[in-house]
Amino acid sequence: MPAATNQADLLAVTQKDYAKLEKLLADIPADVAERKFDDDTSIKDTITHRAHWSGLFFKWLDQMAAGGPVHIPDQGVKWNQLKPYNAALRERYADMSWDEAKAWLAEAHGKLVAYIDEGTDASLYEQIMEGSNGWTIGRFAEASGPSHYRSAAKFIRFCLRQAKAA
């Protein structure tokens, strides 16, 4: 799927992909959501991870607005260190309930939609995210929202197949 290149398409794909993920999450009971599957990761872990990364997007915007530096992916973390970083996130959010995780993701999604809705083609696609690999702010918004929603849905469907087979 090609990346969005304007505000209207970004808003549409963000809403569409979240609606699909939300529908997938609706009927998952807590015991299944909290069960560890591949790489010792649960469905709940995946949802808290997505909410956390959405928050990072806004952290980067705040750092950029303050004149930088912008720490992507996070302060003191390099891209090749994501595996231990993400493992630490699973530990950090381990005590969060399934309902809290879903609510956090919904809140993060609402904030992202509001940001995109208030944006323009120029603000989203003519400005490069400082500290990045040359991606625009809109491309980072897509990576933090709909791209993450799609990858989460793929992992969740895998987990649900595994749960059904067990």
C-alpha atoms as a PDB file:
ATOM      1  CA  MET A   1       0.000   0.000   0.000  1.00  0.00           C
ATOM      2  CA  PRO A   2       1.551   3.317  -1.023  1.00  0.00           C
ATOM      3  CA  ALA A   3       1.946   5.983   1.633  1.00  0.00           C
ATOM      4  CA  ALA A   4      -0.529   8.854   1.748  1.00  0.00           C
ATOM      5  CA  THR A   5       0.685  12.067   0.159  1.00  0.00           C
ATOM      6  CA  ASN A   6      -1.939  14.541   1.344  1.00  0.00           C
ATOM      7  CA  GLN A   7      -3.964  15.401   4.428  1.00  0.00           C
ATOM      8  CA  ALA A   8      -7.269  13.973   3.180  1.00  0.00           C
ATOM      9  CA  ASP A   9      -5.756  10.595   2.260  1.00  0.00           C
ATOM     10  CA  LEU A  10      -3.813  10.435   5.528  1.00  0.00           C
ATOM     11  CA  LEU A  11      -6.949  11.129   7.533  1.00  0.00           C
ATOM     12  CA  ALA A  12      -8.920   8.538   5.565  1.00  0.00           C
ATOM     13  CA  VAL A  13      -6.336   5.767   5.920  1.00  0.00           C
ATOM     14  CA  THR A  14      -5.864   6.535   9.610  1.00  0.00           C
ATOM     15  CA  GLN A  15      -9.581   6.238  10.303  1.00  0.00           C
ATOM     16  CA  LYS A  16     -10.038   3.186   8.056  1.00  0.00           C
ATOM     17  CA  ASP A  17      -7.164   1.183   9.511  1.00  0.00           C
ATOM     18  CA  TYR A  18      -8.058   2.055  13.102  1.00  0.00           C
ATOM     19  CA  ALA A  19     -11.681   0.991  12.520  1.00  0.00           C
ATOM     20  CA  LYS A  20     -10.449  -2.395  11.279  1.00  0.00           C
ATOM     21  CA  LEU A  21      -8.167  -2.802  14.296  1.00  0.00           C
ATOM     22  CA  GLU A  22     -10.862  -1.674  16.719  1.00  0.00           C
ATOM     23  CA  LYS A  23     -13.290  -4.222  15.267  1.00  0.00           C
ATOM     24  CA  LEU A  24     -10.662  -6.952  15.635  1.00  0.00           C
ATOM     25  CA  LEU A  25     -10.024  -6.002  19.280  1.00  0.00           C
ATOM     26  CA  ALA A  26     -13.677  -5.747  20.279  1.00  0.00           C
ATOM     27  CA  ASP A  27     -14.285  -9.421  21.061  1.00  0.00           C
ATOM     28  CA  ILE A  28     -10.896 -10.440  22.423  1.00  0.00           C
ATOM     29  CA  PRO A  29     -11.208 -11.453  26.081  1.00  0.00           C
ATOM     30  CA  ALA A  30      -8.534 -10.345  28.544  1.00  0.00           C
ATOM     31  CA  ASP A  31      -7.181 -13.878  29.076  1.00  0.00           C
ATOM     32  CA  VAL A  32      -6.425 -14.202  25.348  1.00  0.00           C
ATOM     33  CA  ALA A  33      -5.160 -10.615  25.055  1.00  0.00           C
ATOM     34  CA  GLU A  34      -2.704 -11.149  27.913  1.00  0.00           C
ATOM     35  CA  ARG A  35      -1.431 -14.580  26.801  1.00  0.00           C
ATOM     36  CA  LYS A  36       2.166 -14.570  25.539  1.00  0.00           C
ATOM     37  CA  PHE A  37       2.634 -15.686  21.950  1.00  0.00           C
ATOM     38  CA  ASP A  38       5.506 -15.130  19.517  1.00  0.00           C
ATOM     39  CA  ASP A  39       8.651 -13.531  21.005  1.00  0.00           C
ATOM     40  CA  ASP A  40       7.023 -13.588  24.458  1.00  0.00           C
ATOM     41  CA  THR A  41       4.624 -10.871  23.267  1.00  0.00           C
ATOM     42  CA  SER A  42       0.899 -10.663  23.950  1.00  0.00           C
ATOM     43  CA  ILE A  43      -1.859  -8.908  22.060  1.00  0.00           C
ATOM     44  CA  LYS A  44      -2.010  -6.431  24.946  1.00  0.00           C
ATOM     45  CA  ASP A  45       1.738  -5.835  24.617  1.00  0.00           C
ATOM     46  CA  THR A  46       1.226  -5.026  20.963  1.00  0.00           C
ATOM     47  CA  ILE A  47      -1.513  -2.525  21.745  1.00  0.00           C
ATOM     48  CA  THR A  48       0.493  -0.756  24.469  1.00  0.00           C
ATOM     49  CA  HIS A  49       3.466  -0.669  22.099  1.00  0.00           C
ATOM     50  CA  ARG A  50       1.359   1.048  19.423  1.00  0.00           C
ATOM     51  CA  ALA A  51      -0.019   3.586  21.902  1.00  0.00           C
ATOM     52  CA  HIS A  52       3.485   4.310  23.203  1.00  0.00           C
ATOM     53  CA  TRP A  53       4.860   4.883  19.701  1.00  0.00           C
ATOM     54  CA  SER A  54       1.991   7.216  18.879  1.00  0.00           C
ATOM     55  CA  GLY A  55       3.078   9.196  21.930  1.00  0.00           C
ATOM     56  CA  LEU A  56       6.638   9.258  20.611  1.00  0.00           C
ATOM     57  CA  PHE A  57       5.380  10.944  17.438  1.00  0.00           C
ATOM     58  CA  PHE A  58       3.996  13.808  19.518  1.00  0.00           C
ATOM     59  CA  LYS A  59       7.174  13.913  21.593  1.00  0.00           C
ATOM     60  CA  TRP A  60       9.171  14.375  18.377  1.00  0.00           C
ATOM     61  CA  LEU A  61       6.852  17.172  17.262  1.00  0.00           C
ATOM     62  CA  ASP A  62       7.283  18.883  20.639  1.00  0.00           C
ATOM     63  CA  GLN A  63      11.075  18.535  20.419  1.00  0.00           C
ATOM     64  CA  MET A  64      11.011  19.961  16.907  1.00  0.00           C
ATOM     65  CA  ALA A  65       8.820  22.904  17.977  1.00  0.00           C
ATOM     66  CA  ALA A  66      11.227  23.617  20.841  1.00  0.00           C
ATOM     67  CA  GLY A  67      14.119  23.840  18.393  1.00  0.00           C
ATOM     68  CA  GLY A  68      15.428  20.294  18.774  1.00  0.00           C
ATOM     69  CA  PRO A  69      17.250  18.122  19.036  1.00  0.00           C
ATOM     70  CA  VAL A  70      14.663  15.558  17.970  1.00  0.00           C
ATOM     71  CA  HIS A  71      15.442  12.128  19.394  1.00  0.00           C
ATOM     72  CA  ILE A  72      14.163   9.516  16.952  1.00  0.00           C
ATOM     73  CA  PRO A  73      13.350   6.831  17.909  1.00  0.00           C
ATOM     74  CA  ASP A  74      13.836   7.963  21.532  1.00  0.00           C
ATOM     75  CA  GLN A  75      16.407   9.665  23.772  1.00  0.00           C
ATOM     76  CA  GLY A  76      19.549   7.522  23.806  1.00  0.00           C
ATOM     77  CA  VAL A  77      18.046   4.821  21.569  1.00  0.00           C
ATOM     78  CA  LYS A  78      19.287   3.925  18.096  1.00  0.00           C
ATOM     79  CA  TRP A  79      17.252   2.088  15.474  1.00  0.00           C
ATOM     80  CA  ASN A  80      19.396  -1.026  15.892  1.00  0.00           C
ATOM     81  CA  GLN A  81      18.466  -1.081  19.604  1.00  0.00           C
ATOM     82  CA  LEU A  82      14.710  -1.454  19.110  1.00  0.00           C
ATOM     83  CA  LYS A  83      14.497  -5.079  20.227  1.00  0.00           C
ATOM     84  CA  PRO A  84      15.691  -4.355  23.805  1.00  0.00           C
ATOM     85  CA  TYR A  85      13.830  -1.016  23.819  1.00  0.00           C
ATOM     86  CA  ASN A  86      10.563  -2.755  22.924  1.00  0.00           C
ATOM     87  CA  ALA A  87      11.230  -5.510  25.493  1.00  0.00           C
ATOM     88  CA  ALA A  88      11.596  -2.781  28.130  1.00  0.00           C
ATOM     89  CA  LEU A  89       8.257  -1.319  27.002  1.00  0.00           C
ATOM     90  CA  ARG A  90       6.575  -4.695  27.558  1.00  0.00           C
ATOM     91  CA  GLU A  91       7.960  -4.702  31.105  1.00  0.00           C
ATOM     92  CA  ARG A  92       6.982  -1.074  31.726  1.00  0.00           C
ATOM     93  CA  TYR A  93       3.352  -1.666  30.747  1.00  0.00           C
ATOM     94  CA  ALA A  94       3.018  -5.231  32.089  1.00  0.00           C
ATOM     95  CA  ASP A  95       0.640  -4.193  34.876  1.00  0.00           C
ATOM     96  CA  MET A  96      -1.712  -2.314  32.554  1.00  0.00           C
ATOM     97  CA  SER A  97      -5.044  -4.075  32.118  1.00  0.00           C
ATOM     98  CA  TRP A  98      -6.447  -5.068  28.747  1.00  0.00           C
ATOM     99  CA  ASP A  99      -9.185  -2.442  29.035  1.00  0.00           C
ATOM    100  CA  GLU A 100      -6.628   0.229  29.954  1.00  0.00           C
ATOM    101  CA  ALA A 101      -4.466  -0.731  26.969  1.00  0.00           C
ATOM    102  CA  LYS A 102      -7.403  -0.457  24.555  1.00  0.00           C
ATOM    103  CA  ALA A 103      -8.431   2.877  26.081  1.00  0.00           C
ATOM    104  CA  TRP A 104      -4.876   4.208  25.777  1.00  0.00           C
ATOM    105  CA  LEU A 105      -4.737   3.250  22.115  1.00  0.00           C
ATOM    106  CA  ALA A 106      -8.140   4.852  21.495  1.00  0.00           C
ATOM    107  CA  GLU A 107      -6.937   8.049  23.179  1.00  0.00           C
ATOM    108  CA  ALA A 108      -3.712   8.054  21.152  1.00  0.00           C
ATOM    109  CA  HIS A 109      -5.709   7.484  17.965  1.00  0.00           C
ATOM    110  CA  GLY A 110      -8.047  10.367  18.824  1.00  0.00           C
ATOM    111  CA  LYS A 111      -5.094  12.687  19.344  1.00  0.00           C
ATOM    112  CA  LEU A 112      -3.549  11.604  16.034  1.00  0.00           C
ATOM    113  CA  VAL A 113      -6.814  12.101  14.138  1.00  0.00           C
ATOM    114  CA  ALA A 114      -7.230  15.572  15.653  1.00  0.00           C
ATOM    115  CA  TYR A 115      -3.664  16.484  14.685  1.00  0.00           C
ATOM    116  CA  ILE A 116      -4.119  15.264  11.109  1.00  0.00           C
ATOM    117  CA  ASP A 117      -7.541  16.924  10.841  1.00  0.00           C
ATOM    118  CA  GLU A 118      -6.032  20.273  11.902  1.00  0.00           C
ATOM    119  CA  GLY A 119      -3.107  19.825   9.508  1.00  0.00           C
ATOM    120  CA  THR A 120      -2.774  20.871   5.911  1.00  0.00           C
ATOM    121  CA  ASP A 121      -1.048  19.333   2.938  1.00  0.00           C
ATOM    122  CA  ALA A 122       1.748  21.846   3.486  1.00  0.00           C
ATOM    123  CA  SER A 123       2.173  21.259   7.228  1.00  0.00           C
ATOM    124  CA  LEU A 124       2.111  17.491   6.818  1.00  0.00           C
ATOM    125  CA  TYR A 125       3.895  16.910   3.535  1.00  0.00           C
ATOM    126  CA  GLU A 126       6.140  19.883   2.861  1.00  0.00           C
ATOM    127  CA  GLN A 127       8.029  19.790   6.149  1.00  0.00           C
ATOM    128  CA  ILE A 128      10.654  17.175   6.951  1.00  0.00           C
ATOM    129  CA  MET A 129      10.644  15.755  10.471  1.00  0.00           C
ATOM    130  CA  GLU A 130      13.889  16.971  12.017  1.00  0.00           C
ATOM    131  CA  GLY A 131      16.192  14.199  13.162  1.00  0.00           C
ATOM    132  CA  SER A 132      14.670  11.821  10.622  1.00  0.00           C
ATOM    133  CA  ASN A 133      15.755  10.035   7.513  1.00  0.00           C
ATOM    134  CA  GLY A 134      14.120  12.682   5.335  1.00  0.00           C
ATOM    135  CA  TRP A 135      10.512  11.628   5.892  1.00  0.00           C
ATOM    136  CA  THR A 136       7.845  14.284   6.096  1.00  0.00           C
ATOM    137  CA  ILE A 137       5.764  14.839   9.195  1.00  0.00           C
ATOM    138  CA  GLY A 138       2.822  13.242   7.394  1.00  0.00           C
ATOM    139  CA  ARG A 139       4.838  10.135   6.637  1.00  0.00           C
ATOM    140  CA  PHE A 140       5.820   9.879  10.303  1.00  0.00           C
ATOM    141  CA  ALA A 141       2.164  10.336  11.291  1.00  0.00           C
ATOM    142  CA  GLU A 142       1.260   7.449   8.999  1.00  0.00           C
ATOM    143  CA  ALA A 143       4.034   5.277  10.416  1.00  0.00           C
ATOM    144  CA  SER A 144       2.845   6.080  13.949  1.00  0.00           C
ATOM    145  CA  GLY A 145      -0.821   5.409  13.180  1.00  0.00           C
ATOM    146  CA  PRO A 146      -2.194   3.400  10.281  1.00  0.00           C
ATOM    147  CA  SER A 147       1.023   1.507   9.509  1.00  0.00           C
ATOM    148  CA  HIS A 148       1.197   0.458  13.144  1.00  0.00           C
ATOM    149  CA  TYR A 149      -2.506  -0.435  13.128  1.00  0.00           C
ATOM    150  CA  ARG A 150      -2.014  -2.727  10.128  1.00  0.00           C
ATOM    151  CA  SER A 151       1.021  -4.492  11.592  1.00  0.00           C
ATOM    152  CA  ALA A 152      -0.762  -4.887  14.939  1.00  0.00           C
ATOM    153  CA  ALA A 153      -3.799  -6.411  13.211  1.00  0.00           C
ATOM    154  CA  LYS A 154      -1.575  -8.878  11.361  1.00  0.00           C
ATOM    155  CA  PHE A 155       0.105  -9.974  14.606  1.00  0.00           C
ATOM    156  CA  ILE A 156      -3.232 -10.187  16.424  1.00  0.00           C
ATOM    157  CA  ARG A 157      -4.750 -12.401  13.721  1.00  0.00           C
ATOM    158  CA  PHE A 158      -1.679 -14.654  14.067  1.00  0.00           C
ATOM    159  CA  CYS A 159      -2.196 -14.820  17.847  1.00  0.00           C
ATOM    160  CA  LEU A 160      -5.894 -15.567  17.489  1.00  0.00           C
ATOM    161  CA  ARG A 161      -5.124 -18.444  15.104  1.00  0.00           C
ATOM    162  CA  GLN A 162      -2.591 -19.770  17.622  1.00  0.00           C
ATOM    163  CA  ALA A 163      -5.106 -19.448  20.475  1.00  0.00           C
ATOM    164  CA  LYS A 164      -7.752 -21.286  18.457  1.00  0.00           C
ATOM    165  CA  ALA A 165      -5.310 -24.108  17.620  1.00  0.00           C
ATOM    166  CA  ALA A 166      -4.326 -24.578  21.274  1.00  0.00           C
END
